[in-house]
Amino acid sequence: MRTLFFDVSTNVMYVGLAKDDILVDYSIRFATKDHAKYLVDRIDQVLKRNKLRLDQIDELIIGYGPGSYTGIRIAVVVGKMLAYAKAVKLRTVSSLFFMTSGYEGRVAALIDARRGYVFSAVYENGKTILEDDYRKLSDLKEDPMYVKAQTVFIDDRSFLVNPKRLREKSVEVTDVHGLVPNYLRKTEAENNVHQKSND
């Protein structure tokens, strides 16, 4: 079983390849807003290093949010394109879980959502303790589920990926064309439209 997996929900671009749930290769890139230029190339590099073609991959797992609005859109578009073009099984998993799946014990996974808010969840050895949500950080700090967890603010120094847990936690996409990113909050443009309609 060969699994290709990637996430671009934060400043960390992670592309990995596993065989029978064992990580055999990966590529990491740190950036801010230009993941779109490099994701397909990094996927290609990982495959070529391992003398594989995309149609030799058994499944594709993507982190589909929450996180960077642009990043998770890129992940979903590329995932859908590859799955459809090469008839590869597509699976999705929370980006919060993706980037903290390698930690042991209880982990609070956080992605900065600005203005005192975070995308957050709490996991324990692969199980969800507190569901993904868009939360005020000050409120989260008072949640007993959070207090007992190791906090991991996902960035270029804080992430750890476990391919076996990714596959176990991921969900198969039955309608590739209907897949949309897991935004968890409205975009700034949507909020502006909503605000104007209420004025």
N, C-alpha and C. Protein backbone atom coordinates (compact mmCIF):
# COMPACT_ATOMS: atom_id res chain seq x y z
N MET A 1 0.85 -1.20 0.00
CA MET A 1 0.00 0.00 0.00
C MET A 1 0.88 1.24 0.00
N ARG A 2 0.83 2.00 -1.09
CA ARG A 2 1.59 3.24 -1.18
C ARG A 2 0.65 4.42 -0.99
N THR A 3 1.01 5.30 -0.07
CA THR A 3 0.17 6.46 0.25
C THR A 3 0.96 7.74 0.08
N LEU A 4 0.41 8.67 -0.68
CA LEU A 4 0.98 10.00 -0.83
C LEU A 4 0.11 10.95 -0.03
N PHE A 5 0.72 11.84 0.74
CA PHE A 5 -0.09 12.74 1.57
C PHE A 5 0.56 14.12 1.65
N PHE A 6 -0.29 15.14 1.73
CA PHE A 6 0.25 16.50 1.81
C PHE A 6 -0.69 17.45 2.52
N ASP A 7 -0.09 18.50 3.06
CA ASP A 7 -0.84 19.56 3.74
C ASP A 7 -0.15 20.89 3.49
N VAL A 8 -0.94 21.92 3.19
CA VAL A 8 -0.40 23.28 3.00
C VAL A 8 -1.28 24.30 3.72
N SER A 9 -1.79 23.93 4.89
CA SER A 9 -2.72 24.79 5.62
C SER A 9 -2.02 25.89 6.42
N THR A 10 -0.70 25.77 6.58
CA THR A 10 0.06 26.76 7.36
C THR A 10 1.27 27.20 6.54
N ASN A 11 2.25 27.81 7.20
CA ASN A 11 3.47 28.20 6.49
C ASN A 11 4.36 26.98 6.18
N VAL A 12 3.95 25.81 6.65
CA VAL A 12 4.69 24.57 6.40
C VAL A 12 4.01 23.79 5.28
N MET A 13 4.74 23.53 4.21
CA MET A 13 4.26 22.63 3.17
C MET A 13 4.87 21.26 3.47
N TYR A 14 4.01 20.26 3.65
CA TYR A 14 4.50 18.91 3.96
C TYR A 14 3.97 17.96 2.90
N VAL A 15 4.88 17.27 2.23
CA VAL A 15 4.53 16.24 1.26
C VAL A 15 5.24 14.96 1.68
N GLY A 16 4.47 13.89 1.89
CA GLY A 16 5.07 12.65 2.36
C GLY A 16 4.66 11.44 1.53
N LEU A 17 5.47 10.41 1.60
CA LEU A 17 5.18 9.15 0.93
C LEU A 17 5.38 8.03 1.93
N ALA A 18 4.39 7.14 2.04
CA ALA A 18 4.48 6.01 2.96
C ALA A 18 4.22 4.71 2.22
N LYS A 19 4.85 3.66 2.67
CA LYS A 19 4.57 2.33 2.16
C LYS A 19 4.16 1.46 3.35
N ASP A 20 2.95 0.91 3.27
CA ASP A 20 2.41 0.11 4.38
C ASP A 20 2.52 0.85 5.71
N ASP A 21 2.15 2.14 5.67
CA ASP A 21 2.10 3.01 6.85
C ASP A 21 3.47 3.42 7.40
N ILE A 22 4.54 3.08 6.70
CA ILE A 22 5.88 3.49 7.13
C ILE A 22 6.34 4.63 6.24
N LEU A 23 6.75 5.74 6.85
CA LEU A 23 7.23 6.89 6.08
C LEU A 23 8.52 6.52 5.36
N VAL A 24 8.53 6.68 4.03
CA VAL A 24 9.74 6.37 3.26
C VAL A 24 10.41 7.61 2.68
N ASP A 25 9.65 8.71 2.54
CA ASP A 25 10.25 9.94 2.02
C ASP A 25 9.32 11.10 2.32
N TYR A 26 9.89 12.29 2.38
CA TYR A 26 9.06 13.48 2.57
C TYR A 26 9.81 14.71 2.09
N SER A 27 9.05 15.77 1.89
CA SER A 27 9.62 17.06 1.50
C SER A 27 8.90 18.14 2.31
N ILE A 28 9.70 19.04 2.87
CA ILE A 28 9.13 20.13 3.67
C ILE A 28 9.62 21.45 3.09
N ARG A 29 8.72 22.41 3.04
CA ARG A 29 9.09 23.75 2.58
C ARG A 29 8.41 24.76 3.48
N PHE A 30 9.15 25.79 3.89
CA PHE A 30 8.59 26.85 4.72
C PHE A 30 8.37 28.09 3.87
N ALA A 31 7.20 28.66 3.95
CA ALA A 31 6.88 29.86 3.16
C ALA A 31 5.72 30.58 3.82
N THR A 32 5.25 31.63 3.17
CA THR A 32 4.09 32.34 3.69
C THR A 32 2.90 32.25 2.75
N LYS A 33 3.06 32.75 1.52
CA LYS A 33 1.89 32.81 0.65
C LYS A 33 2.14 32.27 -0.75
N ASP A 34 3.18 31.48 -0.94
CA ASP A 34 3.46 31.04 -2.31
C ASP A 34 3.50 29.52 -2.47
N HIS A 35 2.80 28.80 -1.59
CA HIS A 35 2.76 27.34 -1.71
C HIS A 35 2.22 26.89 -3.07
N ALA A 36 1.33 27.67 -3.65
CA ALA A 36 0.69 27.28 -4.92
C ALA A 36 1.72 27.03 -6.01
N LYS A 37 2.83 27.76 -5.98
CA LYS A 37 3.85 27.62 -7.01
C LYS A 37 4.62 26.31 -6.91
N TYR A 38 4.66 25.73 -5.71
CA TYR A 38 5.61 24.65 -5.46
C TYR A 38 5.00 23.29 -5.12
N LEU A 39 3.72 23.23 -4.79
CA LEU A 39 3.15 21.96 -4.31
C LEU A 39 3.27 20.84 -5.34
N VAL A 40 2.83 21.08 -6.56
CA VAL A 40 2.86 20.02 -7.58
C VAL A 40 4.30 19.59 -7.85
N ASP A 41 5.22 20.56 -7.88
CA ASP A 41 6.63 20.24 -8.11
C ASP A 41 7.19 19.38 -6.98
N ARG A 42 6.83 19.68 -5.74
CA ARG A 42 7.33 18.90 -4.60
C ARG A 42 6.76 17.47 -4.63
N ILE A 43 5.51 17.34 -5.02
CA ILE A 43 4.92 16.01 -5.17
C ILE A 43 5.70 15.23 -6.23
N ASP A 44 5.97 15.89 -7.34
CA ASP A 44 6.71 15.27 -8.43
C ASP A 44 8.11 14.83 -7.98
N GLN A 45 8.77 15.69 -7.20
CA GLN A 45 10.12 15.37 -6.71
C GLN A 45 10.11 14.12 -5.83
N VAL A 46 9.15 14.05 -4.92
CA VAL A 46 9.05 12.90 -4.02
C VAL A 46 8.81 11.61 -4.81
N LEU A 47 7.92 11.67 -5.78
CA LEU A 47 7.65 10.49 -6.60
C LEU A 47 8.88 10.07 -7.40
N LYS A 48 9.53 11.04 -8.03
CA LYS A 48 10.71 10.72 -8.85
C LYS A 48 11.85 10.14 -8.03
N ARG A 49 12.06 10.67 -6.84
CA ARG A 49 13.12 10.14 -5.98
C ARG A 49 12.90 8.66 -5.65
N ASN A 50 11.63 8.28 -5.65
CA ASN A 50 11.28 6.90 -5.31
C ASN A 50 10.89 6.07 -6.53
N LYS A 51 11.22 6.63 -7.72
CA LYS A 51 10.98 5.94 -8.99
C LYS A 51 9.54 5.46 -9.13
N LEU A 52 8.61 6.37 -8.81
CA LEU A 52 7.19 6.06 -8.88
C LEU A 52 6.47 7.04 -9.78
N ARG A 53 5.40 6.58 -10.39
CA ARG A 53 4.46 7.44 -11.10
C ARG A 53 3.22 7.60 -10.23
N LEU A 54 2.48 8.64 -10.48
CA LEU A 54 1.28 8.89 -9.68
C LEU A 54 0.29 7.73 -9.77
N ASP A 55 0.19 7.10 -10.95
CA ASP A 55 -0.78 6.01 -11.07
C ASP A 55 -0.33 4.73 -10.35
N GLN A 56 0.86 4.77 -9.73
CA GLN A 56 1.31 3.65 -8.90
C GLN A 56 1.01 3.89 -7.42
N ILE A 57 0.42 5.04 -7.12
CA ILE A 57 0.01 5.36 -5.75
C ILE A 57 -1.38 4.75 -5.50
N ASP A 58 -1.55 4.13 -4.34
CA ASP A 58 -2.83 3.49 -4.01
C ASP A 58 -3.85 4.47 -3.45
N GLU A 59 -3.37 5.46 -2.72
CA GLU A 59 -4.29 6.44 -2.14
C GLU A 59 -3.57 7.75 -1.89
N LEU A 60 -4.35 8.79 -1.84
CA LEU A 60 -3.88 10.15 -1.63
C LEU A 60 -4.63 10.71 -0.43
N ILE A 61 -3.90 11.22 0.55
CA ILE A 61 -4.53 11.82 1.73
C ILE A 61 -4.13 13.29 1.79
N ILE A 62 -5.13 14.15 1.89
CA ILE A 62 -4.84 15.59 1.96
C ILE A 62 -5.41 16.19 3.25
N GLY A 63 -4.64 17.11 3.82
CA GLY A 63 -5.17 17.94 4.88
C GLY A 63 -6.02 19.01 4.22
N TYR A 64 -7.32 19.04 4.54
CA TYR A 64 -8.21 19.94 3.81
C TYR A 64 -8.76 21.07 4.68
N GLY A 65 -8.02 21.40 5.71
CA GLY A 65 -8.40 22.51 6.57
C GLY A 65 -8.75 22.01 7.96
N PRO A 66 -8.91 22.98 8.87
CA PRO A 66 -8.86 24.43 8.68
C PRO A 66 -7.42 24.94 8.56
N GLY A 67 -7.34 26.24 8.28
CA GLY A 67 -6.04 26.88 8.15
C GLY A 67 -6.10 28.02 7.17
N SER A 68 -4.98 28.28 6.53
CA SER A 68 -4.90 29.34 5.54
C SER A 68 -5.95 29.14 4.45
N TYR A 69 -6.74 30.18 4.21
CA TYR A 69 -7.80 30.09 3.20
C TYR A 69 -7.24 29.68 1.85
N THR A 70 -6.16 30.33 1.44
CA THR A 70 -5.55 30.00 0.14
C THR A 70 -4.92 28.61 0.17
N GLY A 71 -4.22 28.31 1.26
CA GLY A 71 -3.53 27.03 1.36
C GLY A 71 -4.45 25.84 1.25
N ILE A 72 -5.56 25.86 1.97
CA ILE A 72 -6.45 24.70 1.94
C ILE A 72 -7.20 24.60 0.61
N ARG A 73 -7.41 25.74 -0.04
CA ARG A 73 -7.99 25.67 -1.39
C ARG A 73 -7.01 25.01 -2.36
N ILE A 74 -5.74 25.34 -2.24
CA ILE A 74 -4.71 24.72 -3.09
C ILE A 74 -4.70 23.22 -2.87
N ALA A 75 -4.69 22.80 -1.61
CA ALA A 75 -4.65 21.38 -1.29
C ALA A 75 -5.83 20.63 -1.90
N VAL A 76 -7.01 21.20 -1.78
CA VAL A 76 -8.21 20.53 -2.30
C VAL A 76 -8.19 20.49 -3.83
N VAL A 77 -7.83 21.59 -4.46
CA VAL A 77 -7.79 21.63 -5.93
C VAL A 77 -6.78 20.62 -6.47
N VAL A 78 -5.58 20.60 -5.89
CA VAL A 78 -4.55 19.67 -6.36
C VAL A 78 -4.97 18.22 -6.07
N GLY A 79 -5.51 17.99 -4.89
CA GLY A 79 -5.97 16.65 -4.54
C GLY A 79 -7.04 16.14 -5.48
N LYS A 80 -8.02 16.99 -5.78
CA LYS A 80 -9.10 16.60 -6.69
C LYS A 80 -8.56 16.34 -8.09
N MET A 81 -7.67 17.21 -8.55
CA MET A 81 -7.11 17.08 -9.89
C MET A 81 -6.34 15.76 -10.04
N LEU A 82 -5.48 15.46 -9.08
CA LEU A 82 -4.68 14.24 -9.15
C LEU A 82 -5.55 12.99 -9.02
N ALA A 83 -6.49 13.03 -8.09
CA ALA A 83 -7.36 11.87 -7.88
C ALA A 83 -8.20 11.58 -9.12
N TYR A 84 -8.73 12.62 -9.73
CA TYR A 84 -9.58 12.43 -10.91
C TYR A 84 -8.76 12.02 -12.13
N ALA A 85 -7.65 12.71 -12.36
CA ALA A 85 -6.85 12.46 -13.57
C ALA A 85 -6.22 11.07 -13.57
N LYS A 86 -5.83 10.59 -12.39
CA LYS A 86 -5.13 9.31 -12.30
C LYS A 86 -5.95 8.21 -11.64
N ALA A 87 -7.21 8.49 -11.34
CA ALA A 87 -8.11 7.50 -10.71
C ALA A 87 -7.50 6.94 -9.42
N VAL A 88 -6.96 7.84 -8.60
CA VAL A 88 -6.38 7.46 -7.31
C VAL A 88 -7.41 7.73 -6.22
N LYS A 89 -7.53 6.83 -5.27
CA LYS A 89 -8.46 7.01 -4.16
C LYS A 89 -8.05 8.25 -3.36
N LEU A 90 -9.00 9.13 -3.08
CA LEU A 90 -8.73 10.36 -2.35
C LEU A 90 -9.35 10.29 -0.96
N ARG A 91 -8.55 10.68 0.03
CA ARG A 91 -9.03 10.71 1.41
C ARG A 91 -8.69 12.08 2.02
N THR A 92 -9.50 12.53 2.96
CA THR A 92 -9.24 13.80 3.62
C THR A 92 -9.08 13.60 5.12
N VAL A 93 -8.36 14.53 5.72
CA VAL A 93 -8.19 14.52 7.17
C VAL A 93 -8.01 15.97 7.61
N SER A 94 -8.36 16.25 8.85
CA SER A 94 -8.17 17.58 9.40
C SER A 94 -6.70 17.99 9.32
N SER A 95 -6.47 19.22 8.88
CA SER A 95 -5.09 19.73 8.85
C SER A 95 -4.50 19.83 10.26
N LEU A 96 -5.34 20.12 11.24
CA LEU A 96 -4.87 20.16 12.62
C LEU A 96 -4.36 18.79 13.05
N PHE A 97 -5.10 17.75 12.68
CA PHE A 97 -4.67 16.40 13.02
C PHE A 97 -3.46 15.99 12.19
N PHE A 98 -3.49 16.32 10.90
CA PHE A 98 -2.38 15.97 10.00
C PHE A 98 -1.05 16.37 10.60
N MET A 99 -0.96 17.65 10.98
CA MET A 99 0.33 18.21 11.39
C MET A 99 0.73 17.89 12.83
N THR A 100 -0.16 17.22 13.59
CA THR A 100 0.19 16.84 14.97
C THR A 100 -0.01 15.34 15.19
N SER A 101 -0.22 14.59 14.13
CA SER A 101 -0.53 13.16 14.26
C SER A 101 0.60 12.34 14.85
N GLY A 102 1.81 12.86 14.83
CA GLY A 102 2.95 12.12 15.34
C GLY A 102 3.23 12.29 16.82
N TYR A 103 2.50 13.18 17.48
CA TYR A 103 2.72 13.40 18.91
C TYR A 103 2.01 12.33 19.73
N GLU A 104 2.63 11.97 20.85
CA GLU A 104 2.01 11.01 21.77
C GLU A 104 1.31 11.75 22.90
N GLY A 105 0.33 11.09 23.52
CA GLY A 105 -0.39 11.70 24.61
C GLY A 105 -1.42 12.70 24.12
N ARG A 106 -1.89 13.54 25.02
CA ARG A 106 -2.93 14.52 24.68
C ARG A 106 -2.30 15.79 24.12
N VAL A 107 -2.73 16.17 22.93
CA VAL A 107 -2.15 17.31 22.23
C VAL A 107 -3.24 18.29 21.81
N ALA A 108 -3.02 19.56 22.13
CA ALA A 108 -3.89 20.63 21.64
C ALA A 108 -3.24 21.21 20.39
N ALA A 109 -3.86 20.98 19.24
CA ALA A 109 -3.33 21.45 17.96
C ALA A 109 -3.93 22.82 17.66
N LEU A 110 -3.08 23.81 17.40
CA LEU A 110 -3.54 25.18 17.16
C LEU A 110 -2.91 25.75 15.90
N ILE A 111 -3.72 26.48 15.14
CA ILE A 111 -3.24 27.27 14.01
C ILE A 111 -3.73 28.70 14.25
N ASP A 112 -2.82 29.65 14.17
CA ASP A 112 -3.17 31.05 14.40
C ASP A 112 -4.19 31.52 13.36
N ALA A 113 -5.31 32.04 13.84
CA ALA A 113 -6.35 32.56 12.94
C ALA A 113 -6.49 34.07 13.08
N ARG A 114 -5.56 34.70 13.77
CA ARG A 114 -5.46 36.16 13.93
C ARG A 114 -6.53 36.73 14.86
N ARG A 115 -6.25 37.94 15.31
CA ARG A 115 -7.15 38.71 16.17
C ARG A 115 -7.56 37.94 17.43
N GLY A 116 -6.63 37.15 17.97
CA GLY A 116 -6.91 36.43 19.21
C GLY A 116 -7.67 35.13 19.03
N TYR A 117 -7.85 34.71 17.79
CA TYR A 117 -8.56 33.45 17.51
C TYR A 117 -7.61 32.40 16.97
N VAL A 118 -8.00 31.15 17.17
CA VAL A 118 -7.22 30.03 16.65
C VAL A 118 -8.17 28.97 16.08
N PHE A 119 -7.66 28.24 15.10
CA PHE A 119 -8.30 26.99 14.72
C PHE A 119 -7.70 25.98 15.68
N SER A 120 -8.53 25.17 16.31
CA SER A 120 -7.98 24.31 17.36
C SER A 120 -8.76 23.01 17.49
N ALA A 121 -8.07 22.04 18.07
CA ALA A 121 -8.66 20.74 18.40
C ALA A 121 -7.74 20.09 19.43
N VAL A 122 -8.28 19.09 20.11
CA VAL A 122 -7.47 18.33 21.05
C VAL A 122 -7.58 16.85 20.68
N TYR A 123 -6.42 16.21 20.57
CA TYR A 123 -6.35 14.79 20.21
C TYR A 123 -5.54 14.04 21.25
N GLU A 124 -5.82 12.76 21.37
CA GLU A 124 -5.04 11.92 22.26
C GLU A 124 -4.76 10.59 21.58
N ASN A 125 -3.49 10.40 21.21
CA ASN A 125 -3.06 9.16 20.56
C ASN A 125 -3.97 8.77 19.39
N GLY A 126 -4.28 9.77 18.56
CA GLY A 126 -5.07 9.51 17.36
C GLY A 126 -6.57 9.68 17.52
N LYS A 127 -7.05 9.86 18.74
CA LYS A 127 -8.50 10.02 18.97
C LYS A 127 -8.83 11.49 19.22
N THR A 128 -10.00 11.91 18.76
CA THR A 128 -10.43 13.29 18.94
C THR A 128 -11.06 13.48 20.32
N ILE A 129 -10.53 14.41 21.09
CA ILE A 129 -11.05 14.74 22.42
C ILE A 129 -11.90 16.01 22.34
N LEU A 130 -11.45 16.98 21.53
CA LEU A 130 -12.18 18.23 21.32
C LEU A 130 -12.18 18.51 19.83
N GLU A 131 -13.36 18.59 19.23
CA GLU A 131 -13.50 18.71 17.78
C GLU A 131 -12.86 19.98 17.23
N ASP A 132 -12.47 19.93 15.97
CA ASP A 132 -11.94 21.11 15.26
C ASP A 132 -12.95 22.25 15.35
N ASP A 133 -12.45 23.44 15.66
CA ASP A 133 -13.33 24.61 15.68
C ASP A 133 -12.50 25.89 15.59
N TYR A 134 -13.22 26.98 15.38
CA TYR A 134 -12.63 28.33 15.34
C TYR A 134 -12.95 28.94 16.69
N ARG A 135 -11.93 29.15 17.53
CA ARG A 135 -12.17 29.54 18.91
C ARG A 135 -11.34 30.76 19.30
N LYS A 136 -11.85 31.47 20.29
CA LYS A 136 -11.08 32.55 20.89
C LYS A 136 -10.04 31.90 21.81
N LEU A 137 -8.78 32.27 21.66
CA LEU A 137 -7.72 31.62 22.40
C LEU A 137 -7.92 31.74 23.91
N SER A 138 -8.38 32.90 24.36
CA SER A 138 -8.60 33.10 25.79
C SER A 138 -9.67 32.16 26.34
N ASP A 139 -10.70 31.86 25.52
CA ASP A 139 -11.74 30.91 25.95
C ASP A 139 -11.19 29.49 25.97
N LEU A 140 -10.40 29.17 24.95
CA LEU A 140 -9.84 27.82 24.86
C LEU A 140 -8.97 27.52 26.07
N LYS A 141 -8.22 28.51 26.54
CA LYS A 141 -7.31 28.30 27.67
C LYS A 141 -8.04 27.94 28.96
N GLU A 142 -9.36 28.18 28.99
CA GLU A 142 -10.14 27.84 30.18
C GLU A 142 -10.84 26.49 30.05
N ASP A 143 -10.73 25.87 28.88
CA ASP A 143 -11.37 24.58 28.66
C ASP A 143 -10.53 23.48 29.32
N PRO A 144 -11.14 22.66 30.19
CA PRO A 144 -10.37 21.62 30.88
C PRO A 144 -9.73 20.61 29.92
N MET A 145 -10.32 20.40 28.75
CA MET A 145 -9.72 19.50 27.76
C MET A 145 -8.39 20.06 27.25
N TYR A 146 -8.34 21.38 27.13
CA TYR A 146 -7.13 22.06 26.65
C TYR A 146 -6.07 22.10 27.74
N VAL A 147 -6.48 22.41 28.96
CA VAL A 147 -5.55 22.60 30.07
C VAL A 147 -4.67 21.37 30.29
N LYS A 148 -5.25 20.18 30.08
CA LYS A 148 -4.51 18.94 30.33
C LYS A 148 -3.67 18.49 29.13
N ALA A 149 -3.65 19.27 28.08
CA ALA A 149 -2.96 18.84 26.85
C ALA A 149 -1.65 19.59 26.63
N GLN A 150 -0.76 18.97 25.87
CA GLN A 150 0.44 19.65 25.39
C GLN A 150 0.03 20.55 24.23
N THR A 151 0.35 21.83 24.31
CA THR A 151 -0.03 22.77 23.25
C THR A 151 0.99 22.74 22.12
N VAL A 152 0.48 22.56 20.90
CA VAL A 152 1.33 22.61 19.72
C VAL A 152 0.78 23.66 18.77
N PHE A 153 1.44 24.83 18.73
CA PHE A 153 1.10 25.87 17.77
C PHE A 153 1.82 25.49 16.48
N ILE A 154 1.08 25.04 15.49
CA ILE A 154 1.70 24.50 14.28
C ILE A 154 2.44 25.60 13.52
N ASP A 155 3.75 25.42 13.37
CA ASP A 155 4.57 26.33 12.58
C ASP A 155 5.81 25.58 12.12
N ASP A 156 6.81 26.28 11.63
CA ASP A 156 7.97 25.59 11.05
C ASP A 156 8.84 24.86 12.07
N ARG A 157 8.55 25.02 13.36
CA ARG A 157 9.30 24.29 14.38
C ARG A 157 8.44 23.28 15.14
N SER A 158 7.14 23.35 14.96
CA SER A 158 6.24 22.53 15.77
C SER A 158 5.25 21.76 14.89
N PHE A 159 5.63 20.57 14.51
CA PHE A 159 4.75 19.66 13.78
C PHE A 159 5.39 18.28 13.78
N LEU A 160 4.58 17.25 13.71
CA LEU A 160 5.07 15.88 13.68
C LEU A 160 3.99 15.01 13.03
N VAL A 161 4.36 14.28 11.98
CA VAL A 161 3.38 13.56 11.17
C VAL A 161 3.56 12.05 11.29
N ASN A 162 2.45 11.34 11.46
CA ASN A 162 2.46 9.88 11.56
C ASN A 162 1.56 9.32 10.46
N PRO A 163 2.13 8.70 9.41
CA PRO A 163 1.34 8.22 8.27
C PRO A 163 0.26 7.20 8.65
N LYS A 164 0.57 6.32 9.59
CA LYS A 164 -0.41 5.30 10.00
C LYS A 164 -1.65 5.95 10.60
N ARG A 165 -1.43 6.91 11.50
CA ARG A 165 -2.58 7.60 12.11
C ARG A 165 -3.35 8.42 11.08
N LEU A 166 -2.63 9.01 10.13
CA LEU A 166 -3.31 9.77 9.08
C LEU A 166 -4.29 8.88 8.32
N ARG A 167 -3.81 7.72 7.94
CA ARG A 167 -4.67 6.82 7.17
C ARG A 167 -5.85 6.34 8.00
N GLU A 168 -5.60 6.03 9.26
CA GLU A 168 -6.67 5.54 10.14
C GLU A 168 -7.74 6.61 10.39
N LYS A 169 -7.31 7.86 10.46
CA LYS A 169 -8.24 8.96 10.78
C LYS A 169 -8.91 9.54 9.54
N SER A 170 -8.30 9.33 8.38
CA SER A 170 -8.81 9.97 7.16
C SER A 170 -10.13 9.33 6.71
N VAL A 171 -10.86 10.10 5.90
CA VAL A 171 -12.18 9.69 5.40
C VAL A 171 -12.14 9.67 3.88
N GLU A 172 -12.62 8.59 3.29
CA GLU A 172 -12.61 8.48 1.84
C GLU A 172 -13.60 9.46 1.22
N VAL A 173 -13.19 10.09 0.15
CA VAL A 173 -14.05 11.02 -0.59
C VAL A 173 -14.80 10.23 -1.66
N THR A 174 -16.11 10.18 -1.54
CA THR A 174 -16.90 9.42 -2.52
C THR A 174 -17.28 10.27 -3.72
N ASP A 175 -17.36 11.61 -3.52
CA ASP A 175 -17.67 12.52 -4.62
C ASP A 175 -16.53 13.53 -4.74
N VAL A 176 -15.56 13.20 -5.57
CA VAL A 176 -14.37 14.05 -5.71
C VAL A 176 -14.74 15.46 -6.14
N HIS A 177 -15.68 15.57 -7.09
CA HIS A 177 -16.05 16.90 -7.61
C HIS A 177 -16.74 17.76 -6.55
N GLY A 178 -17.40 17.12 -5.60
CA GLY A 178 -18.15 17.86 -4.59
C GLY A 178 -17.33 18.25 -3.36
N LEU A 179 -16.07 17.83 -3.31
CA LEU A 179 -15.24 18.12 -2.14
C LEU A 179 -14.94 19.62 -2.04
N VAL A 180 -15.14 20.16 -0.85
CA VAL A 180 -14.81 21.57 -0.58
C VAL A 180 -13.92 21.63 0.66
N PRO A 181 -13.09 22.67 0.77
CA PRO A 181 -12.22 22.81 1.95
C PRO A 181 -13.02 22.98 3.22
N ASN A 182 -12.41 22.63 4.34
CA ASN A 182 -13.02 22.80 5.65
C ASN A 182 -12.56 24.15 6.22
N TYR A 183 -13.30 25.21 5.87
CA TYR A 183 -12.87 26.56 6.23
C TYR A 183 -13.06 26.87 7.73
N LEU A 184 -14.16 26.44 8.31
CA LEU A 184 -14.53 26.67 9.70
C LEU A 184 -14.88 28.12 10.05
N ARG A 185 -14.65 29.03 9.14
CA ARG A 185 -15.06 30.42 9.39
C ARG A 185 -15.31 31.09 8.05
N LYS A 186 -16.06 32.17 8.09
CA LYS A 186 -16.31 32.94 6.88
C LYS A 186 -15.06 33.71 6.48
N THR A 187 -14.92 33.93 5.19
CA THR A 187 -13.80 34.76 4.72
C THR A 187 -14.08 36.21 5.06
N GLU A 188 -13.04 37.03 4.97
CA GLU A 188 -13.21 38.47 5.24
C GLU A 188 -14.23 39.07 4.27
N ALA A 189 -14.19 38.66 3.02
CA ALA A 189 -15.14 39.18 2.02
C ALA A 189 -16.57 38.81 2.39
N GLU A 190 -16.77 37.55 2.83
CA GLU A 190 -18.11 37.13 3.23
C GLU A 190 -18.59 37.91 4.45
N ASN A 191 -17.68 38.17 5.39
CA ASN A 191 -18.05 38.96 6.57
C ASN A 191 -18.42 40.38 6.20
N ASN A 192 -17.68 40.96 5.23
CA ASN A 192 -17.98 42.32 4.77
C ASN A 192 -19.35 42.39 4.12
N VAL A 193 -19.69 41.40 3.30
CA VAL A 193 -21.00 41.35 2.65
C VAL A 193 -22.10 41.23 3.69
N HIS A 194 -21.85 40.33 4.68
CA HIS A 194 -22.83 40.13 5.76
C HIS A 194 -23.03 41.42 6.55
N GLN A 195 -21.90 42.13 6.83
CA GLN A 195 -21.97 43.37 7.59
C GLN A 195 -22.77 44.44 6.84
N LYS A 196 -22.53 44.55 5.51
CA LYS A 196 -23.25 45.54 4.70
C LYS A 196 -24.74 45.24 4.65
N SER A 197 -25.10 43.95 4.59
CA SER A 197 -26.52 43.59 4.50
C SER A 197 -27.25 43.87 5.80
N ASN A 198 -26.48 43.97 6.91
CA ASN A 198 -27.09 44.25 8.20
C ASN A 198 -27.13 45.74 8.53
N ASP A 199 -26.40 46.53 7.73
CA ASP A 199 -26.36 47.98 7.97
C ASP A 199 -27.65 48.66 7.49
